[in-house]
Amino acid sequence: MNKPLTRLLILFLSVSFFNCGDADSVKPFTDNAVAAFHKNYNSKNFTRIYNNSHQNFKKSGSFIRFKELMQAVYSKLGRVKSTRNKSWKVRKVDSAHMVSLRQKTEFRDSIGVEIFSFIVEDGKATLTGYKINSTKLTNNEL
């Protein structure tokens, strides 16, 4: 292999490795945010979840609607018993990271797949989106 090509390959691998490390560095913040979400969910503290969410989350719907949805989820699925990460994606935007997590979550009465979206800035993950899918939930019930 010629020297310029070798240098280019080394530079590419170095940049790729650095970017992975950068992405990995935000994972603990989002893991903590998911744990806090579930703690508030289990205590039915939907106000705290909503108030701690990002302004874009709040723009997507009123607190009253969010609370109604979360109460419906809680009544159908019950408390969170455990959760594990199925996949995650990170996208860097300016000085922040946009993170999407897919969690397989065991509730008291069913299993669901939760999709969390966070923006991570200054060492803090803030909720920007939340979706849940479960066989016990239907659109006309929510």
N, C-alpha and C. Protein backbone atom coordinates (compact mmCIF):
# COMPACT_ATOMS: atom_id res chain seq x y z
N MET A 1 0.86 -1.17 0.00
CA MET A 1 0.00 0.00 0.00
C MET A 1 0.90 1.24 0.00
N ASN A 2 0.52 2.26 -0.76
CA ASN A 2 1.36 3.46 -0.81
C ASN A 2 1.12 4.33 0.43
N LYS A 3 2.10 5.19 0.71
CA LYS A 3 2.06 5.99 1.94
C LYS A 3 0.85 6.92 2.02
N PRO A 4 0.50 7.69 0.97
CA PRO A 4 -0.68 8.56 1.08
C PRO A 4 -1.96 7.78 1.38
N LEU A 5 -2.11 6.63 0.74
CA LEU A 5 -3.30 5.82 0.98
C LEU A 5 -3.30 5.27 2.41
N THR A 6 -2.15 4.86 2.90
CA THR A 6 -2.03 4.37 4.27
C THR A 6 -2.39 5.46 5.26
N ARG A 7 -1.88 6.66 5.04
CA ARG A 7 -2.19 7.79 5.93
C ARG A 7 -3.68 8.11 5.92
N LEU A 8 -4.28 8.07 4.73
CA LEU A 8 -5.71 8.35 4.61
C LEU A 8 -6.52 7.29 5.36
N LEU A 9 -6.13 6.02 5.23
CA LEU A 9 -6.82 4.95 5.93
C LEU A 9 -6.68 5.11 7.45
N ILE A 10 -5.49 5.44 7.92
CA ILE A 10 -5.27 5.66 9.35
C ILE A 10 -6.10 6.84 9.84
N LEU A 11 -6.15 7.91 9.08
CA LEU A 11 -6.96 9.08 9.45
C LEU A 11 -8.43 8.70 9.52
N PHE A 12 -8.92 7.95 8.53
CA PHE A 12 -10.32 7.53 8.51
C PHE A 12 -10.64 6.66 9.73
N LEU A 13 -9.78 5.69 10.03
CA LEU A 13 -10.02 4.82 11.18
C LEU A 13 -9.96 5.60 12.48
N SER A 14 -9.06 6.56 12.57
CA SER A 14 -8.96 7.38 13.79
C SER A 14 -10.21 8.21 13.99
N VAL A 15 -10.71 8.83 12.93
CA VAL A 15 -11.92 9.63 13.02
C VAL A 15 -13.11 8.75 13.36
N SER A 16 -13.19 7.56 12.75
CA SER A 16 -14.29 6.64 13.04
C SER A 16 -14.26 6.21 14.49
N PHE A 17 -13.08 5.88 15.00
CA PHE A 17 -12.95 5.46 16.39
C PHE A 17 -13.32 6.61 17.33
N PHE A 18 -12.88 7.82 17.03
CA PHE A 18 -13.21 8.97 17.87
C PHE A 18 -14.71 9.19 17.89
N ASN A 19 -15.36 9.11 16.74
CA ASN A 19 -16.81 9.34 16.70
C ASN A 19 -17.57 8.29 17.49
N CYS A 20 -17.11 7.03 17.45
CA CYS A 20 -17.78 6.00 18.24
C CYS A 20 -17.63 6.29 19.73
N GLY A 21 -16.44 6.69 20.13
CA GLY A 21 -16.21 7.01 21.52
C GLY A 21 -17.08 8.16 21.97
N ASP A 22 -17.23 9.15 21.10
CA ASP A 22 -18.06 10.30 21.40
C ASP A 22 -19.51 9.86 21.59
N ALA A 23 -19.98 8.97 20.72
CA ALA A 23 -21.35 8.47 20.83
C ALA A 23 -21.53 7.65 22.10
N ASP A 24 -20.55 6.82 22.40
CA ASP A 24 -20.62 6.00 23.62
C ASP A 24 -20.66 6.85 24.88
N SER A 25 -20.06 8.03 24.81
CA SER A 25 -19.99 8.88 26.00
C SER A 25 -21.35 9.42 26.42
N VAL A 26 -22.32 9.45 25.53
CA VAL A 26 -23.65 9.98 25.89
C VAL A 26 -24.59 8.88 26.39
N LYS A 27 -24.25 7.62 26.19
CA LYS A 27 -25.12 6.51 26.57
C LYS A 27 -25.46 6.51 28.06
N PRO A 28 -24.50 6.74 28.96
CA PRO A 28 -24.88 6.77 30.39
C PRO A 28 -25.93 7.83 30.73
N PHE A 29 -25.89 8.97 30.04
CA PHE A 29 -26.87 10.02 30.30
C PHE A 29 -28.27 9.58 29.89
N THR A 30 -28.37 8.91 28.74
CA THR A 30 -29.69 8.45 28.29
C THR A 30 -30.17 7.28 29.12
N ASP A 31 -29.26 6.40 29.54
CA ASP A 31 -29.66 5.29 30.42
C ASP A 31 -30.24 5.83 31.73
N ASN A 32 -29.60 6.85 32.29
CA ASN A 32 -30.12 7.47 33.52
C ASN A 32 -31.46 8.14 33.28
N ALA A 33 -31.63 8.75 32.11
CA ALA A 33 -32.90 9.42 31.79
C ALA A 33 -34.03 8.41 31.65
N VAL A 34 -33.75 7.26 31.05
CA VAL A 34 -34.76 6.19 30.94
C VAL A 34 -35.13 5.69 32.33
N ALA A 35 -34.14 5.49 33.18
CA ALA A 35 -34.41 5.04 34.55
C ALA A 35 -35.27 6.06 35.30
N ALA A 36 -34.97 7.34 35.14
CA ALA A 36 -35.76 8.39 35.79
C ALA A 36 -37.19 8.41 35.24
N PHE A 37 -37.33 8.25 33.92
CA PHE A 37 -38.65 8.20 33.30
C PHE A 37 -39.46 7.06 33.92
N HIS A 38 -38.87 5.87 34.00
CA HIS A 38 -39.59 4.72 34.55
C HIS A 38 -39.91 4.89 36.03
N LYS A 39 -39.01 5.51 36.77
CA LYS A 39 -39.28 5.77 38.19
C LYS A 39 -40.48 6.70 38.34
N ASN A 40 -40.52 7.75 37.53
CA ASN A 40 -41.66 8.68 37.57
C ASN A 40 -42.93 8.02 37.05
N TYR A 41 -42.80 7.20 36.01
CA TYR A 41 -43.95 6.47 35.49
C TYR A 41 -44.53 5.56 36.57
N ASN A 42 -43.67 4.79 37.23
CA ASN A 42 -44.14 3.85 38.25
C ASN A 42 -44.82 4.55 39.43
N SER A 43 -44.39 5.76 39.72
CA SER A 43 -45.03 6.52 40.80
C SER A 43 -46.15 7.42 40.28
N LYS A 44 -46.47 7.25 39.00
CA LYS A 44 -47.53 8.02 38.33
C LYS A 44 -47.26 9.53 38.39
N ASN A 45 -45.99 9.88 38.39
CA ASN A 45 -45.61 11.30 38.43
C ASN A 45 -45.42 11.79 36.99
N PHE A 46 -46.51 11.82 36.24
CA PHE A 46 -46.48 12.21 34.84
C PHE A 46 -46.17 13.70 34.68
N THR A 47 -46.50 14.47 35.71
CA THR A 47 -46.19 15.90 35.70
C THR A 47 -44.68 16.12 35.62
N ARG A 48 -43.93 15.37 36.40
CA ARG A 48 -42.47 15.53 36.40
C ARG A 48 -41.89 15.13 35.04
N ILE A 49 -42.40 14.05 34.47
CA ILE A 49 -41.90 13.63 33.14
C ILE A 49 -42.12 14.76 32.15
N TYR A 50 -43.32 15.29 32.12
CA TYR A 50 -43.66 16.36 31.17
C TYR A 50 -42.85 17.63 31.45
N ASN A 51 -42.79 18.04 32.69
CA ASN A 51 -42.07 19.28 33.03
C ASN A 51 -40.57 19.19 32.73
N ASN A 52 -39.99 17.99 32.86
CA ASN A 52 -38.56 17.82 32.59
C ASN A 52 -38.25 17.56 31.12
N SER A 53 -39.27 17.49 30.29
CA SER A 53 -39.06 17.21 28.87
C SER A 53 -38.63 18.49 28.12
N HIS A 54 -38.13 18.28 26.93
CA HIS A 54 -37.66 19.37 26.07
C HIS A 54 -38.85 20.19 25.56
N GLN A 55 -38.61 21.42 25.22
CA GLN A 55 -39.68 22.29 24.70
C GLN A 55 -40.33 21.70 23.45
N ASN A 56 -39.57 21.00 22.62
CA ASN A 56 -40.16 20.39 21.42
C ASN A 56 -41.14 19.28 21.77
N PHE A 57 -40.88 18.57 22.86
CA PHE A 57 -41.81 17.56 23.34
C PHE A 57 -43.11 18.24 23.77
N LYS A 58 -42.99 19.31 24.50
CA LYS A 58 -44.16 20.04 25.00
C LYS A 58 -44.97 20.66 23.86
N LYS A 59 -44.28 21.06 22.79
CA LYS A 59 -44.99 21.63 21.64
C LYS A 59 -45.84 20.59 20.92
N SER A 60 -45.49 19.31 21.09
CA SER A 60 -46.21 18.26 20.37
C SER A 60 -47.58 17.95 20.98
N GLY A 61 -47.82 18.41 22.19
CA GLY A 61 -49.12 18.18 22.80
C GLY A 61 -49.19 18.75 24.20
N SER A 62 -50.41 18.93 24.66
CA SER A 62 -50.62 19.53 25.98
C SER A 62 -50.31 18.53 27.09
N PHE A 63 -50.11 19.06 28.27
CA PHE A 63 -49.89 18.21 29.43
C PHE A 63 -51.12 17.34 29.70
N ILE A 64 -52.30 17.90 29.55
CA ILE A 64 -53.54 17.14 29.80
C ILE A 64 -53.59 15.90 28.92
N ARG A 65 -53.29 16.06 27.64
CA ARG A 65 -53.30 14.92 26.70
C ARG A 65 -52.21 13.91 27.06
N PHE A 66 -51.02 14.40 27.39
CA PHE A 66 -49.92 13.51 27.79
C PHE A 66 -50.31 12.70 29.02
N LYS A 67 -50.89 13.37 30.01
CA LYS A 67 -51.30 12.69 31.24
C LYS A 67 -52.36 11.63 30.95
N GLU A 68 -53.32 11.95 30.10
CA GLU A 68 -54.36 10.99 29.73
C GLU A 68 -53.76 9.76 29.06
N LEU A 69 -52.81 9.99 28.16
CA LEU A 69 -52.15 8.87 27.48
C LEU A 69 -51.37 8.00 28.45
N MET A 70 -50.62 8.63 29.33
CA MET A 70 -49.81 7.87 30.29
C MET A 70 -50.69 7.12 31.29
N GLN A 71 -51.80 7.71 31.69
CA GLN A 71 -52.72 7.02 32.58
C GLN A 71 -53.32 5.79 31.88
N ALA A 72 -53.64 5.92 30.60
CA ALA A 72 -54.17 4.79 29.83
C ALA A 72 -53.13 3.68 29.71
N VAL A 73 -51.88 4.07 29.44
CA VAL A 73 -50.80 3.08 29.36
C VAL A 73 -50.65 2.37 30.70
N TYR A 74 -50.63 3.13 31.78
CA TYR A 74 -50.46 2.56 33.11
C TYR A 74 -51.61 1.61 33.45
N SER A 75 -52.84 2.00 33.10
CA SER A 75 -53.99 1.15 33.44
C SER A 75 -53.98 -0.15 32.65
N LYS A 76 -53.45 -0.14 31.44
CA LYS A 76 -53.40 -1.36 30.61
C LYS A 76 -52.18 -2.22 30.88
N LEU A 77 -51.03 -1.59 31.14
CA LEU A 77 -49.78 -2.34 31.25
C LEU A 77 -49.26 -2.48 32.67
N GLY A 78 -49.59 -1.52 33.52
CA GLY A 78 -49.11 -1.56 34.89
C GLY A 78 -47.69 -1.02 35.04
N ARG A 79 -47.10 -1.29 36.17
CA ARG A 79 -45.76 -0.80 36.52
C ARG A 79 -44.69 -1.43 35.63
N VAL A 80 -43.60 -0.71 35.45
CA VAL A 80 -42.42 -1.25 34.76
C VAL A 80 -41.71 -2.19 35.72
N LYS A 81 -41.46 -3.41 35.25
CA LYS A 81 -40.71 -4.38 36.05
C LYS A 81 -39.24 -4.40 35.65
N SER A 82 -38.99 -4.34 34.35
CA SER A 82 -37.60 -4.34 33.86
C SER A 82 -37.58 -3.80 32.44
N THR A 83 -36.41 -3.39 32.03
CA THR A 83 -36.23 -2.90 30.67
C THR A 83 -34.82 -3.22 30.21
N ARG A 84 -34.67 -3.43 28.92
CA ARG A 84 -33.33 -3.61 28.38
C ARG A 84 -33.26 -2.98 27.00
N ASN A 85 -32.11 -2.47 26.71
CA ASN A 85 -31.91 -1.77 25.46
C ASN A 85 -31.82 -2.75 24.29
N LYS A 86 -32.61 -2.50 23.26
CA LYS A 86 -32.58 -3.32 22.04
C LYS A 86 -31.70 -2.68 20.97
N SER A 87 -31.73 -1.35 20.89
CA SER A 87 -30.89 -0.65 19.92
C SER A 87 -30.84 0.82 20.29
N TRP A 88 -29.83 1.50 19.75
CA TRP A 88 -29.73 2.93 19.95
C TRP A 88 -28.97 3.55 18.80
N LYS A 89 -29.34 4.78 18.51
CA LYS A 89 -28.72 5.54 17.43
C LYS A 89 -28.36 6.91 17.97
N VAL A 90 -27.23 7.41 17.52
CA VAL A 90 -26.77 8.73 17.94
C VAL A 90 -26.44 9.55 16.71
N ARG A 91 -26.88 10.79 16.73
CA ARG A 91 -26.57 11.74 15.66
C ARG A 91 -26.09 13.02 16.31
N LYS A 92 -24.93 13.49 15.89
CA LYS A 92 -24.38 14.72 16.47
C LYS A 92 -24.92 15.91 15.68
N VAL A 93 -25.46 16.88 16.39
CA VAL A 93 -25.98 18.10 15.79
C VAL A 93 -25.38 19.27 16.57
N ASP A 94 -24.50 20.00 15.90
CA ASP A 94 -23.77 21.09 16.55
C ASP A 94 -23.07 20.55 17.81
N SER A 95 -23.36 21.12 18.96
CA SER A 95 -22.69 20.67 20.19
C SER A 95 -23.53 19.64 20.95
N ALA A 96 -24.65 19.24 20.39
CA ALA A 96 -25.55 18.30 21.07
C ALA A 96 -25.55 16.95 20.34
N HIS A 97 -26.11 15.96 21.01
CA HIS A 97 -26.32 14.64 20.43
C HIS A 97 -27.81 14.34 20.47
N MET A 98 -28.34 13.87 19.36
CA MET A 98 -29.71 13.39 19.29
C MET A 98 -29.63 11.87 19.41
N VAL A 99 -30.32 11.32 20.41
CA VAL A 99 -30.21 9.89 20.69
C VAL A 99 -31.60 9.26 20.64
N SER A 100 -31.69 8.14 19.97
CA SER A 100 -32.92 7.36 19.91
C SER A 100 -32.64 5.99 20.51
N LEU A 101 -33.44 5.60 21.49
CA LEU A 101 -33.28 4.30 22.16
C LEU A 101 -34.53 3.46 21.95
N ARG A 102 -34.34 2.21 21.65
CA ARG A 102 -35.46 1.26 21.57
C ARG A 102 -35.28 0.28 22.73
N GLN A 103 -36.27 0.28 23.63
CA GLN A 103 -36.20 -0.54 24.84
C GLN A 103 -37.27 -1.63 24.79
N LYS A 104 -36.91 -2.85 25.15
CA LYS A 104 -37.90 -3.91 25.38
C LYS A 104 -38.19 -3.87 26.87
N THR A 105 -39.42 -3.54 27.21
CA THR A 105 -39.78 -3.29 28.60
C THR A 105 -40.84 -4.27 29.05
N GLU A 106 -40.58 -4.89 30.20
CA GLU A 106 -41.56 -5.77 30.81
C GLU A 106 -42.34 -4.97 31.84
N PHE A 107 -43.65 -4.92 31.62
CA PHE A 107 -44.56 -4.27 32.55
C PHE A 107 -45.23 -5.36 33.39
N ARG A 108 -45.97 -4.97 34.39
CA ARG A 108 -46.66 -5.93 35.24
C ARG A 108 -47.60 -6.83 34.42
N ASP A 109 -48.30 -6.25 33.44
CA ASP A 109 -49.33 -6.99 32.73
C ASP A 109 -49.03 -7.28 31.26
N SER A 110 -47.87 -6.91 30.79
CA SER A 110 -47.57 -7.14 29.37
C SER A 110 -46.12 -6.76 29.09
N ILE A 111 -45.74 -6.92 27.85
CA ILE A 111 -44.42 -6.50 27.37
C ILE A 111 -44.65 -5.43 26.31
N GLY A 112 -43.78 -4.45 26.28
CA GLY A 112 -43.90 -3.39 25.29
C GLY A 112 -42.54 -2.99 24.74
N VAL A 113 -42.58 -2.31 23.62
CA VAL A 113 -41.37 -1.73 23.05
C VAL A 113 -41.52 -0.22 23.16
N GLU A 114 -40.60 0.39 23.89
CA GLU A 114 -40.61 1.83 24.06
C GLU A 114 -39.53 2.44 23.18
N ILE A 115 -39.85 3.57 22.60
CA ILE A 115 -38.87 4.31 21.81
C ILE A 115 -38.74 5.70 22.43
N PHE A 116 -37.56 5.95 22.93
CA PHE A 116 -37.25 7.23 23.57
C PHE A 116 -36.37 8.04 22.63
N SER A 117 -36.63 9.34 22.55
CA SER A 117 -35.74 10.27 21.86
C SER A 117 -35.28 11.31 22.87
N PHE A 118 -33.98 11.56 22.86
CA PHE A 118 -33.38 12.53 23.78
C PHE A 118 -32.45 13.46 23.03
N ILE A 119 -32.30 14.65 23.56
CA ILE A 119 -31.21 15.52 23.17
C ILE A 119 -30.27 15.56 24.36
N VAL A 120 -28.99 15.33 24.10
CA VAL A 120 -27.99 15.34 25.18
C VAL A 120 -27.11 16.56 24.98
N GLU A 121 -27.17 17.46 25.95
CA GLU A 121 -26.36 18.69 25.95
C GLU A 121 -25.82 18.91 27.34
N ASP A 122 -24.58 19.30 27.41
CA ASP A 122 -23.95 19.65 28.69
C ASP A 122 -24.14 18.57 29.75
N GLY A 123 -24.01 17.32 29.35
CA GLY A 123 -24.10 16.22 30.31
C GLY A 123 -25.49 15.92 30.80
N LYS A 124 -26.53 16.35 30.07
CA LYS A 124 -27.91 16.10 30.50
C LYS A 124 -28.72 15.62 29.31
N ALA A 125 -29.47 14.53 29.51
CA ALA A 125 -30.37 14.00 28.48
C ALA A 125 -31.78 14.51 28.76
N THR A 126 -32.39 15.15 27.77
CA THR A 126 -33.73 15.71 27.91
C THR A 126 -34.65 15.03 26.90
N LEU A 127 -35.79 14.57 27.36
CA LEU A 127 -36.75 13.85 26.53
C LEU A 127 -37.32 14.74 25.43
N THR A 128 -37.22 14.26 24.19
CA THR A 128 -37.81 14.97 23.06
C THR A 128 -38.92 14.16 22.39
N GLY A 129 -39.00 12.87 22.71
CA GLY A 129 -40.04 12.04 22.11
C GLY A 129 -40.20 10.73 22.85
N TYR A 130 -41.43 10.20 22.83
CA TYR A 130 -41.71 8.91 23.48
C TYR A 130 -42.83 8.22 22.72
N LYS A 131 -42.61 6.94 22.42
CA LYS A 131 -43.63 6.10 21.80
C LYS A 131 -43.61 4.76 22.50
N ILE A 132 -44.76 4.10 22.53
CA ILE A 132 -44.82 2.75 23.10
C ILE A 132 -45.73 1.89 22.24
N ASN A 133 -45.29 0.66 22.06
CA ASN A 133 -46.07 -0.32 21.32
C ASN A 133 -46.23 -1.56 22.19
N SER A 134 -47.47 -2.04 22.29
CA SER A 134 -47.77 -3.26 23.03
C SER A 134 -49.05 -3.84 22.48
N THR A 135 -49.15 -5.16 22.53
CA THR A 135 -50.38 -5.80 22.04
C THR A 135 -51.59 -5.44 22.90
N LYS A 136 -51.36 -5.00 24.12
CA LYS A 136 -52.47 -4.63 25.01
C LYS A 136 -52.98 -3.20 24.77
N LEU A 137 -52.31 -2.47 23.89
CA LEU A 137 -52.72 -1.11 23.61
C LEU A 137 -53.27 -1.02 22.19
N THR A 138 -54.39 -0.34 22.05
CA THR A 138 -54.93 -0.07 20.73
C THR A 138 -55.19 1.42 20.62
N ASN A 139 -55.20 1.93 19.41
CA ASN A 139 -55.39 3.37 19.20
C ASN A 139 -56.71 3.88 19.75
N ASN A 140 -57.78 3.11 19.61
CA ASN A 140 -59.06 3.63 20.08
C ASN A 140 -59.17 3.61 21.60
N GLU A 141 -58.27 2.90 22.29
CA GLU A 141 -58.27 2.95 23.75
C GLU A 141 -57.44 4.13 24.25
N LEU A 142 -56.47 4.54 23.46
CA LEU A 142 -55.62 5.66 23.86
C LEU A 142 -56.18 6.88 23.29
